PDB file of N, CA and C in Angstrom:
ATOM      1  N   UNK A   1       0.831  -1.175   0.000  1.00  0.00           N
ATOM      2  CA  UNK A   1       0.000   0.000   0.000  1.00  0.00           C
ATOM      3  C   UNK A   1       0.882   1.248   0.000  1.00  0.00           C
ATOM      4  N   UNK A   2       0.678   2.095  -0.964  1.00  0.00           N
ATOM      5  CA  UNK A   2       1.455   3.323  -1.046  1.00  0.00           C
ATOM      6  C   UNK A   2       0.751   4.453  -0.301  1.00  0.00           C
ATOM      7  N   UNK A   3       1.547   5.436   0.077  1.00  0.00           N
ATOM      8  CA  UNK A   3       1.019   6.638   0.719  1.00  0.00           C
ATOM      9  C   UNK A   3       0.901   7.736  -0.325  1.00  0.00           C
ATOM     10  N   UNK A   4      -0.205   8.440  -0.329  1.00  0.00           N
ATOM     11  CA  UNK A   4      -0.357   9.643  -1.141  1.00  0.00           C
ATOM     12  C   UNK A   4       0.351  10.763  -0.374  1.00  0.00           C
ATOM     13  N   UNK A   5       1.430  11.348  -0.936  1.00  0.00           N
ATOM     14  CA  UNK A   5       2.218  12.331  -0.183  1.00  0.00           C
ATOM     15  C   UNK A   5       1.410  13.501   0.392  1.00  0.00           C
ATOM     16  N   UNK A   6       0.510  14.094  -0.393  1.00  0.00           N
ATOM     17  CA  UNK A   6      -0.238  15.244   0.124  1.00  0.00           C
ATOM     18  C   UNK A   6      -1.206  14.830   1.238  1.00  0.00           C
ATOM     19  N   UNK A   7      -1.832  13.678   1.102  1.00  0.00           N
ATOM     20  CA  UNK A   7      -2.748  13.211   2.147  1.00  0.00           C
ATOM     21  C   UNK A   7      -1.988  12.898   3.427  1.00  0.00           C
ATOM     22  N   UNK A   8      -0.850  12.256   3.303  1.00  0.00           N
ATOM     23  CA  UNK A   8      -0.029  11.940   4.469  1.00  0.00           C
ATOM     24  C   UNK A   8       0.457  13.230   5.129  1.00  0.00           C
ATOM     25  N   UNK A   9       0.899  14.184   4.305  1.00  0.00           N
ATOM     26  CA  UNK A   9       1.366  15.467   4.835  1.00  0.00           C
ATOM     27  C   UNK A   9       0.239  16.204   5.548  1.00  0.00           C
ATOM     28  N   UNK A  10      -0.936  16.218   4.960  1.00  0.00           N
ATOM     29  CA  UNK A  10      -2.081  16.886   5.593  1.00  0.00           C
ATOM     30  C   UNK A  10      -2.447  16.225   6.917  1.00  0.00           C
ATOM     31  N   UNK A  11      -2.439  14.903   6.943  1.00  0.00           N
ATOM     32  CA  UNK A  11      -2.778  14.181   8.168  1.00  0.00           C
ATOM     33  C   UNK A  11      -1.773  14.479   9.276  1.00  0.00           C
ATOM     34  N   UNK A  12      -0.488  14.460   8.947  1.00  0.00           N
ATOM     35  CA  UNK A  12       0.528  14.722   9.963  1.00  0.00           C
ATOM     36  C   UNK A  12       0.474  16.176  10.428  1.00  0.00           C
ATOM     37  N   UNK A  13       0.190  17.098   9.526  1.00  0.00           N
ATOM     38  CA  UNK A  13       0.057  18.510   9.907  1.00  0.00           C
ATOM     39  C   UNK A  13      -1.130  18.698  10.850  1.00  0.00           C
ATOM     40  N   UNK A  14      -2.227  18.034  10.581  1.00  0.00           N
ATOM     41  CA  UNK A  14      -3.402  18.127  11.449  1.00  0.00           C
ATOM     42  C   UNK A  14      -3.095  17.576  12.839  1.00  0.00           C
ATOM     43  N   UNK A  15      -2.505  16.389  12.884  1.00  0.00           N
ATOM     44  CA  UNK A  15      -2.162  15.783  14.174  1.00  0.00           C
ATOM     45  C   UNK A  15      -1.164  16.665  14.920  1.00  0.00           C
ATOM     46  N   UNK A  16      -0.166  17.191  14.222  1.00  0.00           N
ATOM     47  CA  UNK A  16       0.815  18.075  14.851  1.00  0.00           C
ATOM     48  C   UNK A  16       0.166  19.332  15.415  1.00  0.00           C
ATOM     49  N   UNK A  17      -0.764  19.920  14.669  1.00  0.00           N
ATOM     50  CA  UNK A  17      -1.455  21.106  15.141  1.00  0.00           C
ATOM     51  C   UNK A  17      -2.289  20.836  16.383  1.00  0.00           C
ATOM     52  N   UNK A  18      -2.960  19.692  16.406  1.00  0.00           N
ATOM     53  CA  UNK A  18      -3.761  19.327  17.579  1.00  0.00           C
ATOM     54  C   UNK A  18      -2.858  19.139  18.796  1.00  0.00           C
ATOM     55  N   UNK A  19      -1.737  18.437  18.622  1.00  0.00           N
ATOM     56  CA  UNK A  19      -0.800  18.241  19.732  1.00  0.00           C
ATOM     57  C   UNK A  19      -0.252  19.577  20.227  1.00  0.00           C
ATOM     58  N   UNK A  20       0.042  20.483  19.308  1.00  0.00           N
ATOM     59  CA  UNK A  20       0.571  21.793  19.692  1.00  0.00           C
ATOM     60  C   UNK A  20      -0.447  22.546  20.556  1.00  0.00           C
ATOM     61  N   UNK A  21      -1.702  22.560  20.130  1.00  0.00           N
ATOM     62  CA  UNK A  21      -2.741  23.250  20.896  1.00  0.00           C
ATOM     63  C   UNK A  21      -2.947  22.583  22.259  1.00  0.00           C
ATOM     64  N   UNK A  22      -2.896  21.250  22.310  1.00  0.00           N
ATOM     65  CA  UNK A  22      -3.020  20.551  23.589  1.00  0.00           C
ATOM     66  C   UNK A  22      -1.871  20.900  24.531  1.00  0.00           C
ATOM     67  N   UNK A  23      -0.668  21.018  23.991  1.00  0.00           N
ATOM     68  CA  UNK A  23       0.490  21.413  24.817  1.00  0.00           C
ATOM     69  C   UNK A  23       0.317  22.829  25.347  1.00  0.00           C
ATOM     70  N   UNK A  24      -0.178  23.730  24.504  1.00  0.00           N
ATOM     71  CA  UNK A  24      -0.442  25.101  24.964  1.00  0.00           C
ATOM     72  C   UNK A  24      -1.446  25.095  26.111  1.00  0.00           C
ATOM     73  N   UNK A  25      -2.480  24.297  25.971  1.00  0.00           N
ATOM     74  CA  UNK A  25      -3.491  24.212  27.026  1.00  0.00           C
ATOM     75  C   UNK A  25      -2.888  23.657  28.303  1.00  0.00           C
ATOM     76  N   UNK A  26      -2.031  22.651  28.170  1.00  0.00           N
ATOM     77  CA  UNK A  26      -1.381  22.053  29.333  1.00  0.00           C
ATOM     78  C   UNK A  26      -0.529  23.090  30.061  1.00  0.00           C
ATOM     79  N   UNK A  27       0.233  23.885  29.313  1.00  0.00           N
ATOM     80  CA  UNK A  27       1.061  24.925  29.924  1.00  0.00           C
ATOM     81  C   UNK A  27       0.172  25.927  30.659  1.00  0.00           C
ATOM     82  N   UNK A  28      -0.953  26.282  30.053  1.00  0.00           N
ATOM     83  CA  UNK A  28      -1.860  27.247  30.681  1.00  0.00           C
ATOM     84  C   UNK A  28      -2.472  26.698  31.964  1.00  0.00           C
ATOM     85  N   UNK A  29      -2.746  25.398  31.992  1.00  0.00           N
ATOM     86  CA  UNK A  29      -3.399  24.785  33.151  1.00  0.00           C
ATOM     87  C   UNK A  29      -2.401  24.448  34.258  1.00  0.00           C
ATOM     88  N   UNK A  30      -1.269  23.842  33.895  1.00  0.00           N
ATOM     89  CA  UNK A  30      -0.310  23.384  34.904  1.00  0.00           C
ATOM     90  C   UNK A  30       1.107  23.408  34.352  1.00  0.00           C
ATOM     91  N   UNK A  31       1.709  24.581  34.412  1.00  0.00           N
ATOM     92  CA  UNK A  31       3.058  24.726  33.867  1.00  0.00           C
ATOM     93  C   UNK A  31       4.073  23.859  34.620  1.00  0.00           C
ATOM     94  N   UNK A  32       3.893  23.692  35.943  1.00  0.00           N
ATOM     95  CA  UNK A  32       4.845  22.885  36.715  1.00  0.00           C
ATOM     96  C   UNK A  32       4.881  21.436  36.249  1.00  0.00           C
ATOM     97  N   UNK A  33       3.712  20.824  36.035  1.00  0.00           N
ATOM     98  CA  UNK A  33       3.718  19.427  35.599  1.00  0.00           C
ATOM     99  C   UNK A  33       4.270  19.309  34.180  1.00  0.00           C
ATOM    100  N   UNK A  34       3.964  20.291  33.339  1.00  0.00           N
ATOM    101  CA  UNK A  34       4.498  20.303  31.976  1.00  0.00           C
ATOM    102  C   UNK A  34       6.028  20.340  31.998  1.00  0.00           C
ATOM    103  N   UNK A  35       6.577  21.241  32.811  1.00  0.00           N
ATOM    104  CA  UNK A  35       8.035  21.364  32.888  1.00  0.00           C
ATOM    105  C   UNK A  35       8.659  20.082  33.457  1.00  0.00           C
ATOM    106  N   UNK A  36       7.969  19.414  34.359  1.00  0.00           N
ATOM    107  CA  UNK A  36       8.471  18.158  34.897  1.00  0.00           C
ATOM    108  C   UNK A  36       8.556  17.079  33.835  1.00  0.00           C
ATOM    109  N   UNK A  37       7.530  16.983  33.007  1.00  0.00           N
ATOM    110  CA  UNK A  37       7.543  15.990  31.928  1.00  0.00           C
ATOM    111  C   UNK A  37       8.634  16.335  30.909  1.00  0.00           C
ATOM    112  N   UNK A  38       8.757  17.609  30.565  1.00  0.00           N
ATOM    113  CA  UNK A  38       9.804  18.015  29.613  1.00  0.00           C
ATOM    114  C   UNK A  38      11.189  17.649  30.134  1.00  0.00           C
ATOM    115  N   UNK A  39      11.398  17.812  31.444  1.00  0.00           N
ATOM    116  CA  UNK A  39      12.688  17.438  32.036  1.00  0.00           C
ATOM    117  C   UNK A  39      12.942  15.945  31.904  1.00  0.00           C
ATOM    118  N   UNK A  40      11.883  15.143  31.986  1.00  0.00           N
ATOM    119  CA  UNK A  40      12.062  13.694  31.867  1.00  0.00           C
ATOM    120  C   UNK A  40      12.312  13.277  30.419  1.00  0.00           C
ATOM    121  N   UNK A  41      11.816  14.056  29.457  1.00  0.00           N
ATOM    122  CA  UNK A  41      12.023  13.722  28.047  1.00  0.00           C
ATOM    123  C   UNK A  41      13.404  14.138  27.551  1.00  0.00           C
ATOM    124  N   UNK A  42      13.942  15.226  28.074  1.00  0.00           N
ATOM    125  CA  UNK A  42      15.256  15.724  27.645  1.00  0.00           C
ATOM    126  C   UNK A  42      16.249  15.447  28.758  1.00  0.00           C
ATOM    127  N   UNK A  43      16.931  14.327  28.662  1.00  0.00           N
ATOM    128  CA  UNK A  43      17.830  13.847  29.704  1.00  0.00           C
ATOM    129  C   UNK A  43      18.911  14.884  30.005  1.00  0.00           C
ATOM    130  N   UNK A  44      19.074  15.175  31.267  1.00  0.00           N
ATOM    131  CA  UNK A  44      20.126  16.076  31.701  1.00  0.00           C
ATOM    132  C   UNK A  44      19.750  17.549  31.668  1.00  0.00           C
ATOM    133  N   UNK A  45      18.553  17.887  31.232  1.00  0.00           N
ATOM    134  CA  UNK A  45      18.117  19.283  31.209  1.00  0.00           C
ATOM    135  C   UNK A  45      17.022  19.446  32.255  1.00  0.00           C
ATOM    136  N   UNK A  46      17.230  20.376  33.183  1.00  0.00           N
ATOM    137  CA  UNK A  46      16.247  20.619  34.235  1.00  0.00           C
ATOM    138  C   UNK A  46      15.383  21.813  33.843  1.00  0.00           C
ATOM    139  N   UNK A  47      14.276  21.539  33.171  1.00  0.00           N
ATOM    140  CA  UNK A  47      13.386  22.600  32.728  1.00  0.00           C
ATOM    141  C   UNK A  47      12.721  23.311  33.906  1.00  0.00           C
ATOM    142  N   UNK A  48      12.609  22.616  35.046  1.00  0.00           N
ATOM    143  CA  UNK A  48      11.981  23.225  36.215  1.00  0.00           C
ATOM    144  C   UNK A  48      12.803  24.396  36.755  1.00  0.00           C
ATOM    145  N   UNK A  49      14.117  24.410  36.479  1.00  0.00           N
ATOM    146  CA  UNK A  49      14.963  25.482  36.988  1.00  0.00           C
ATOM    147  C   UNK A  49      14.875  26.752  36.140  1.00  0.00           C
ATOM    148  N   UNK A  50      14.232  26.671  34.986  1.00  0.00           N
ATOM    149  CA  UNK A  50      14.074  27.853  34.143  1.00  0.00           C
ATOM    150  C   UNK A  50      13.019  28.779  34.731  1.00  0.00           C
ATOM    151  N   UNK A  51      13.181  30.081  34.539  1.00  0.00           N
ATOM    152  CA  UNK A  51      12.148  30.994  35.052  1.00  0.00           C
ATOM    153  C   UNK A  51      10.841  30.800  34.295  1.00  0.00           C
ATOM    154  N   UNK A  52       9.717  30.838  34.992  1.00  0.00           N
ATOM    155  CA  UNK A  52       8.428  30.647  34.308  1.00  0.00           C
ATOM    156  C   UNK A  52       8.142  31.818  33.357  1.00  0.00           C
ATOM    157  N   UNK A  53       7.541  31.493  32.245  1.00  0.00           N
ATOM    158  CA  UNK A  53       7.170  32.515  31.269  1.00  0.00           C
ATOM    159  C   UNK A  53       5.798  32.173  30.708  1.00  0.00           C
ATOM    160  N   UNK A  54       4.995  33.173  30.522  1.00  0.00           N
ATOM    161  CA  UNK A  54       3.684  32.981  29.923  1.00  0.00           C
ATOM    162  C   UNK A  54       3.782  33.304  28.444  1.00  0.00           C
ATOM    163  N   UNK A  55       3.489  32.324  27.586  1.00  0.00           N
ATOM    164  CA  UNK A  55       3.580  32.592  26.148  1.00  0.00           C
ATOM    165  C   UNK A  55       2.591  33.674  25.719  1.00  0.00           C
ATOM    166  N   UNK A  56       3.027  34.519  24.802  1.00  0.00           N
ATOM    167  CA  UNK A  56       2.127  35.542  24.276  1.00  0.00           C
ATOM    168  C   UNK A  56       1.509  35.048  22.974  1.00  0.00           C
ATOM    169  N   UNK A  57       0.461  35.723  22.523  1.00  0.00           N
ATOM    170  CA  UNK A  57      -0.288  35.282  21.347  1.00  0.00           C
ATOM    171  C   UNK A  57       0.594  35.242  20.101  1.00  0.00           C
ATOM    172  N   UNK A  58       1.546  36.155  20.004  1.00  0.00           N
ATOM    173  CA  UNK A  58       2.435  36.170  18.843  1.00  0.00           C
ATOM    174  C   UNK A  58       3.333  34.952  18.777  1.00  0.00           C
ATOM    175  N   UNK A  59       3.958  34.607  19.902  1.00  0.00           N
ATOM    176  CA  UNK A  59       4.843  33.437  19.908  1.00  0.00           C
ATOM    177  C   UNK A  59       4.060  32.146  19.738  1.00  0.00           C
ATOM    178  N   UNK A  60       2.827  32.106  20.295  1.00  0.00           N
ATOM    179  CA  UNK A  60       1.999  30.910  20.129  1.00  0.00           C
ATOM    180  C   UNK A  60       1.599  30.734  18.665  1.00  0.00           C
ATOM    181  N   UNK A  61       1.281  31.832  18.000  1.00  0.00           N
ATOM    182  CA  UNK A  61       0.877  31.766  16.592  1.00  0.00           C
ATOM    183  C   UNK A  61       2.043  31.347  15.705  1.00  0.00           C
ATOM    184  N   UNK A  62       3.203  31.970  15.930  1.00  0.00           N
ATOM    185  CA  UNK A  62       4.392  31.598  15.142  1.00  0.00           C
ATOM    186  C   UNK A  62       4.751  30.143  15.407  1.00  0.00           C
ATOM    187  N   UNK A  63       4.684  29.715  16.659  1.00  0.00           N
ATOM    188  CA  UNK A  63       4.982  28.324  16.996  1.00  0.00           C
ATOM    189  C   UNK A  63       4.039  27.352  16.315  1.00  0.00           C
ATOM    190  N   UNK A  64       2.757  27.664  16.332  1.00  0.00           N
ATOM    191  CA  UNK A  64       1.768  26.793  15.693  1.00  0.00           C
ATOM    192  C   UNK A  64       2.014  26.706  14.187  1.00  0.00           C
ATOM    193  N   UNK A  65       2.217  27.843  13.550  1.00  0.00           N
ATOM    194  CA  UNK A  65       2.430  27.856  12.097  1.00  0.00           C
ATOM    195  C   UNK A  65       3.693  27.101  11.713  1.00  0.00           C
ATOM    196  N   UNK A  66       4.792  27.347  12.415  1.00  0.00           N
ATOM    197  CA  UNK A  66       6.048  26.672  12.049  1.00  0.00           C
ATOM    198  C   UNK A  66       5.999  25.184  12.378  1.00  0.00           C
ATOM    199  N   UNK A  67       5.337  24.808  13.493  1.00  0.00           N
ATOM    200  CA  UNK A  67       5.242  23.396  13.848  1.00  0.00           C
ATOM    201  C   UNK A  67       4.392  22.635  12.841  1.00  0.00           C
ATOM    202  N   UNK A  68       3.254  23.212  12.464  1.00  0.00           N
ATOM    203  CA  UNK A  68       2.381  22.574  11.470  1.00  0.00           C
ATOM    204  C   UNK A  68       3.098  22.497  10.119  1.00  0.00           C
ATOM    205  N   UNK A  69       3.819  23.546   9.756  1.00  0.00           N
ATOM    206  CA  UNK A  69       4.579  23.525   8.503  1.00  0.00           C
ATOM    207  C   UNK A  69       5.642  22.446   8.499  1.00  0.00           C
ATOM    208  N   UNK A  70       6.381  22.337   9.590  1.00  0.00           N
ATOM    209  CA  UNK A  70       7.407  21.302   9.702  1.00  0.00           C
ATOM    210  C   UNK A  70       6.772  19.914   9.658  1.00  0.00           C
ATOM    211  N   UNK A  71       5.640  19.751  10.323  1.00  0.00           N
ATOM    212  CA  UNK A  71       4.945  18.458  10.309  1.00  0.00           C
ATOM    213  C   UNK A  71       4.484  18.113   8.893  1.00  0.00           C
ATOM    214  N   UNK A  72       3.968  19.099   8.151  1.00  0.00           N
ATOM    215  CA  UNK A  72       3.508  18.863   6.784  1.00  0.00           C
ATOM    216  C   UNK A  72       4.669  18.412   5.903  1.00  0.00           C
ATOM    217  N   UNK A  73       5.780  19.122   5.981  1.00  0.00           N
ATOM    218  CA  UNK A  73       6.961  18.745   5.182  1.00  0.00           C
ATOM    219  C   UNK A  73       7.441  17.351   5.574  1.00  0.00           C
ATOM    220  N   UNK A  74       7.456  17.061   6.860  1.00  0.00           N
ATOM    221  CA  UNK A  74       7.882  15.737   7.334  1.00  0.00           C
ATOM    222  C   UNK A  74       6.965  14.641   6.796  1.00  0.00           C
ATOM    223  N   UNK A  75       5.663  14.882   6.815  1.00  0.00           N
ATOM    224  CA  UNK A  75       4.716  13.896   6.286  1.00  0.00           C
ATOM    225  C   UNK A  75       4.896  13.672   4.798  1.00  0.00           C
ATOM    226  N   UNK A  76       5.142  14.736   4.065  1.00  0.00           N
ATOM    227  CA  UNK A  76       5.333  14.628   2.617  1.00  0.00           C
ATOM    228  C   UNK A  76       6.601  13.824   2.301  1.00  0.00           C
ATOM    229  N   UNK A  77       7.693  14.170   2.976  1.00  0.00           N
ATOM    230  CA  UNK A  77       8.963  13.447   2.759  1.00  0.00           C
ATOM    231  C   UNK A  77       8.832  11.998   3.209  1.00  0.00           C
ATOM    232  N   UNK A  78       8.145  11.765   4.332  1.00  0.00           N
ATOM    233  CA  UNK A  78       7.930  10.402   4.804  1.00  0.00           C
ATOM    234  C   UNK A  78       7.208   9.570   3.748  1.00  0.00           C
ATOM    235  N   UNK A  79       6.136  10.107   3.170  1.00  0.00           N
ATOM    236  CA  UNK A  79       5.354   9.364   2.181  1.00  0.00           C
ATOM    237  C   UNK A  79       6.197   9.024   0.955  1.00  0.00           C
ATOM    238  N   UNK A  80       6.989   9.969   0.489  1.00  0.00           N
ATOM    239  CA  UNK A  80       7.857   9.712  -0.673  1.00  0.00           C
ATOM    240  C   UNK A  80       8.883   8.626  -0.337  1.00  0.00           C
ATOM    241  N   UNK A  81       9.521   8.748   0.828  1.00  0.00           N
ATOM    242  CA  UNK A  81      10.517   7.739   1.225  1.00  0.00           C
ATOM    243  C   UNK A  81       9.862   6.377   1.404  1.00  0.00           C
ATOM    244  N   UNK A  82       8.712   6.350   2.053  1.00  0.00           N
ATOM    245  CA  UNK A  82       7.999   5.089   2.278  1.00  0.00           C
ATOM    246  C   UNK A  82       7.678   4.412   0.947  1.00  0.00           C
ATOM    247  N   UNK A  83       7.172   5.182   0.001  1.00  0.00           N
ATOM    248  CA  UNK A  83       6.817   4.629  -1.300  1.00  0.00           C
ATOM    249  C   UNK A  83       8.039   4.081  -2.018  1.00  0.00           C
ATOM    250  N   UNK A  84       9.173   4.722  -1.888  1.00  0.00           N
ATOM    251  CA  UNK A  84      10.396   4.226  -2.510  1.00  0.00           C
ATOM    252  C   UNK A  84      10.849   2.910  -1.874  1.00  0.00           C
ATOM    253  N   UNK A  85      10.736   2.827  -0.552  1.00  0.00           N
ATOM    254  CA  UNK A  85      11.173   1.621   0.141  1.00  0.00           C
ATOM    255  C   UNK A  85      10.290   0.414  -0.169  1.00  0.00           C
ATOM    256  N   UNK A  86       8.988   0.620  -0.340  1.00  0.00           N
ATOM    257  CA  UNK A  86       8.139  -0.548  -0.603  1.00  0.00           C
ATOM    258  C   UNK A  86       8.254  -1.035  -2.035  1.00  0.00           C
ATOM    259  N   UNK A  87       8.842  -0.233  -2.916  1.00  0.00           N
ATOM    260  CA  UNK A  87       9.036  -0.659  -4.299  1.00  0.00           C
ATOM    261  C   UNK A  87      10.206  -1.610  -4.435  1.00  0.00           C
ATOM    262  N   UNK A  88      11.101  -1.634  -3.458  1.00  0.00           N
ATOM    263  CA  UNK A  88      12.308  -2.477  -3.539  1.00  0.00           C
ATOM    264  C   UNK A  88      12.013  -3.905  -3.142  1.00  0.00           C
TER     265      UNK A  88
END
């Protein structure tokens, strides 16, 4: 089964956008627990020691747009690579 690159890219961009918005909500609700999980994901980095910051609408918008864009490109490249590998 081959992947349609644009459909795969759109699906990954949608999922990435939803995850981004959920992370924003998590930060708004409980920044301490969010920072604790981030510290566990990035070994050796103590995110809890960073000063707390409240994201502004501009940084949230730029973050959402760039994250969704990166996810779309990743999905497109993934589909092309996947299709090449299954042909071999």
